[in-house]
Amino acid sequence: MFIDYDRTLRQIEAELARVGVAMGIDWADESRMRALAKEVFDHWHAGGNAAPPRTDRRQISRHKLYGLVALLVVTMQSAPGAGDEPSPVRQALARAFSSIQA
């Protein structure tokens, strides 16, 4: 089975950008991105499975963001070298995750 990892990464990045717009995320705000990366890590370490209430749009968007970031990470691990031209969203996330792990 052939998987076009470059296309898949572009689709994930595009959806992350859309969710980011809906959430008011400024991908260039490094302090906000670090806080967001920490929030994603905390969510994953807590198990990451609790579904948000269906009426809380803000939490639904947050959970969608957590899932998309996880999907991005798994896709990148599955296809080293794919997506050599990272989008600004992926670059911002990479910087943020690197900074909180240092």
C-alpha atoms as a PDB file:
ATOM      1  CA  MET A   1       0.000   0.000   0.000  1.00  0.00           C
ATOM      2  CA  PHE A   2       1.368   3.406  -0.997  1.00  0.00           C
ATOM      3  CA  ILE A   3       0.949   6.369   1.310  1.00  0.00           C
ATOM      4  CA  ASP A   4       1.768   9.840   0.039  1.00  0.00           C
ATOM      5  CA  TYR A   5       3.298  11.156   3.263  1.00  0.00           C
ATOM      6  CA  ASP A   6       4.027  14.595   1.827  1.00  0.00           C
ATOM      7  CA  ARG A   7       0.365  15.028   0.885  1.00  0.00           C
ATOM      8  CA  THR A   8      -0.764  13.676   4.260  1.00  0.00           C
ATOM      9  CA  LEU A   9       1.525  16.095   6.110  1.00  0.00           C
ATOM     10  CA  ARG A  10       0.232  19.025   4.036  1.00  0.00           C
ATOM     11  CA  GLN A  11      -3.359  18.045   4.854  1.00  0.00           C
ATOM     12  CA  ILE A  12      -2.633  17.760   8.577  1.00  0.00           C
ATOM     13  CA  GLU A  13      -0.795  21.098   8.548  1.00  0.00           C
ATOM     14  CA  ALA A  14      -3.676  22.761   6.682  1.00  0.00           C
ATOM     15  CA  GLU A  15      -6.178  21.465   9.218  1.00  0.00           C
ATOM     16  CA  LEU A  16      -3.935  22.594  12.090  1.00  0.00           C
ATOM     17  CA  ALA A  17      -3.834  26.057  10.518  1.00  0.00           C
ATOM     18  CA  ARG A  18      -7.650  26.114  10.254  1.00  0.00           C
ATOM     19  CA  VAL A  19      -8.092  25.024  13.862  1.00  0.00           C
ATOM     20  CA  GLY A  20      -5.469  27.585  14.864  1.00  0.00           C
ATOM     21  CA  VAL A  21      -7.428  30.367  13.181  1.00  0.00           C
ATOM     22  CA  ALA A  22     -10.606  29.244  14.926  1.00  0.00           C
ATOM     23  CA  MET A  23      -8.779  29.232  18.267  1.00  0.00           C
ATOM     24  CA  GLY A  24      -7.025  32.546  17.635  1.00  0.00           C
ATOM     25  CA  ILE A  25      -3.554  31.011  17.715  1.00  0.00           C
ATOM     26  CA  ASP A  26      -0.690  33.231  16.620  1.00  0.00           C
ATOM     27  CA  TRP A  27       1.890  30.722  15.355  1.00  0.00           C
ATOM     28  CA  ALA A  28       4.598  33.410  15.554  1.00  0.00           C
ATOM     29  CA  ASP A  29       4.044  34.072  19.295  1.00  0.00           C
ATOM     30  CA  GLU A  30       6.782  31.874  20.761  1.00  0.00           C
ATOM     31  CA  SER A  31       5.703  32.195  24.393  1.00  0.00           C
ATOM     32  CA  ARG A  32       2.125  31.253  23.483  1.00  0.00           C
ATOM     33  CA  MET A  33       3.398  28.347  21.376  1.00  0.00           C
ATOM     34  CA  ARG A  34       5.496  27.055  24.306  1.00  0.00           C
ATOM     35  CA  ALA A  35       2.423  27.228  26.546  1.00  0.00           C
ATOM     36  CA  LEU A  36       0.402  25.391  23.914  1.00  0.00           C
ATOM     37  CA  ALA A  37       3.096  22.706  23.516  1.00  0.00           C
ATOM     38  CA  LYS A  38       3.146  22.227  27.302  1.00  0.00           C
ATOM     39  CA  GLU A  39      -0.647  21.954  27.294  1.00  0.00           C
ATOM     40  CA  VAL A  40      -0.481  19.288  24.567  1.00  0.00           C
ATOM     41  CA  PHE A  41       2.194  17.338  26.501  1.00  0.00           C
ATOM     42  CA  ASP A  42       0.155  17.554  29.702  1.00  0.00           C
ATOM     43  CA  HIS A  43      -2.919  16.297  27.842  1.00  0.00           C
ATOM     44  CA  TRP A  44      -0.988  13.348  26.382  1.00  0.00           C
ATOM     45  CA  HIS A  45       0.607  12.459  29.730  1.00  0.00           C
ATOM     46  CA  ALA A  46      -2.807  12.531  31.410  1.00  0.00           C
ATOM     47  CA  GLY A  47      -3.999   9.839  29.017  1.00  0.00           C
ATOM     48  CA  GLY A  48      -5.522  12.134  26.449  1.00  0.00           C
ATOM     49  CA  ASN A  49      -8.720  10.171  26.066  1.00  0.00           C
ATOM     50  CA  ALA A  50     -11.320  12.210  27.923  1.00  0.00           C
ATOM     51  CA  ALA A  51     -13.850  13.569  25.455  1.00  0.00           C
ATOM     52  CA  PRO A  52     -14.910  17.194  25.909  1.00  0.00           C
ATOM     53  CA  PRO A  53     -18.577  18.046  26.486  1.00  0.00           C
ATOM     54  CA  ARG A  54     -20.346  18.293  23.128  1.00  0.00           C
ATOM     55  CA  THR A  55     -21.565  21.784  23.967  1.00  0.00           C
ATOM     56  CA  ASP A  56     -18.155  23.260  24.782  1.00  0.00           C
ATOM     57  CA  ARG A  57     -16.820  24.416  21.399  1.00  0.00           C
ATOM     58  CA  ARG A  58     -13.590  25.719  22.896  1.00  0.00           C
ATOM     59  CA  GLN A  59     -12.726  22.343  24.429  1.00  0.00           C
ATOM     60  CA  ILE A  60     -13.760  20.531  21.247  1.00  0.00           C
ATOM     61  CA  SER A  61     -11.312  22.698  19.282  1.00  0.00           C
ATOM     62  CA  ARG A  62      -8.579  22.058  21.839  1.00  0.00           C
ATOM     63  CA  HIS A  63      -9.080  18.298  21.634  1.00  0.00           C
ATOM     64  CA  LYS A  64      -9.033  18.479  17.860  1.00  0.00           C
ATOM     65  CA  LEU A  65      -5.742  20.383  18.059  1.00  0.00           C
ATOM     66  CA  TYR A  66      -4.269  17.764  20.429  1.00  0.00           C
ATOM     67  CA  GLY A  67      -5.262  14.991  18.042  1.00  0.00           C
ATOM     68  CA  LEU A  68      -3.900  16.763  14.980  1.00  0.00           C
ATOM     69  CA  VAL A  69      -0.562  17.397  16.672  1.00  0.00           C
ATOM     70  CA  ALA A  70      -0.390  13.709  17.625  1.00  0.00           C
ATOM     71  CA  LEU A  71      -1.255  12.701  14.071  1.00  0.00           C
ATOM     72  CA  LEU A  72       1.438  15.031  12.742  1.00  0.00           C
ATOM     73  CA  VAL A  73       4.040  13.491  15.064  1.00  0.00           C
ATOM     74  CA  VAL A  74       3.084   9.908  14.193  1.00  0.00           C
ATOM     75  CA  THR A  75       3.073  10.679  10.468  1.00  0.00           C
ATOM     76  CA  MET A  76       6.488  12.307  10.656  1.00  0.00           C
ATOM     77  CA  GLN A  77       7.872   9.312  12.589  1.00  0.00           C
ATOM     78  CA  SER A  78       6.475   6.941   9.965  1.00  0.00           C
ATOM     79  CA  ALA A  79       8.002   8.823   7.070  1.00  0.00           C
ATOM     80  CA  PRO A  80      11.429  10.245   7.848  1.00  0.00           C
ATOM     81  CA  GLY A  81      12.392  12.652   5.126  1.00  0.00           C
ATOM     82  CA  ALA A  82       8.809  13.292   4.074  1.00  0.00           C
ATOM     83  CA  GLY A  83       7.759  16.879   4.101  1.00  0.00           C
ATOM     84  CA  ASP A  84      11.204  18.371   3.775  1.00  0.00           C
ATOM     85  CA  GLU A  85       9.568  21.801   3.355  1.00  0.00           C
ATOM     86  CA  PRO A  86       7.764  22.276   6.694  1.00  0.00           C
ATOM     87  CA  SER A  87       4.942  24.774   6.890  1.00  0.00           C
ATOM     88  CA  PRO A  88       5.101  27.718   9.297  1.00  0.00           C
ATOM     89  CA  VAL A  89       2.698  25.797  11.557  1.00  0.00           C
ATOM     90  CA  ARG A  90       5.006  22.770  11.749  1.00  0.00           C
ATOM     91  CA  GLN A  91       8.042  24.996  12.264  1.00  0.00           C
ATOM     92  CA  ALA A  92       6.311  26.850  15.116  1.00  0.00           C
ATOM     93  CA  LEU A  93       5.280  23.585  16.768  1.00  0.00           C
ATOM     94  CA  ALA A  94       8.771  22.104  16.377  1.00  0.00           C
ATOM     95  CA  ARG A  95      10.382  25.169  17.988  1.00  0.00           C
ATOM     96  CA  ALA A  96       7.853  25.130  20.827  1.00  0.00           C
ATOM     97  CA  PHE A  97       8.246  21.431  21.603  1.00  0.00           C
ATOM     98  CA  SER A  98      12.037  21.703  21.393  1.00  0.00           C
ATOM     99  CA  SER A  99      12.065  24.634  23.793  1.00  0.00           C
ATOM    100  CA  ILE A 100      10.020  22.884  26.480  1.00  0.00           C
ATOM    101  CA  GLN A 101      12.140  19.729  26.281  1.00  0.00           C
ATOM    102  CA  ALA A 102      15.432  21.586  26.656  1.00  0.00           C
END
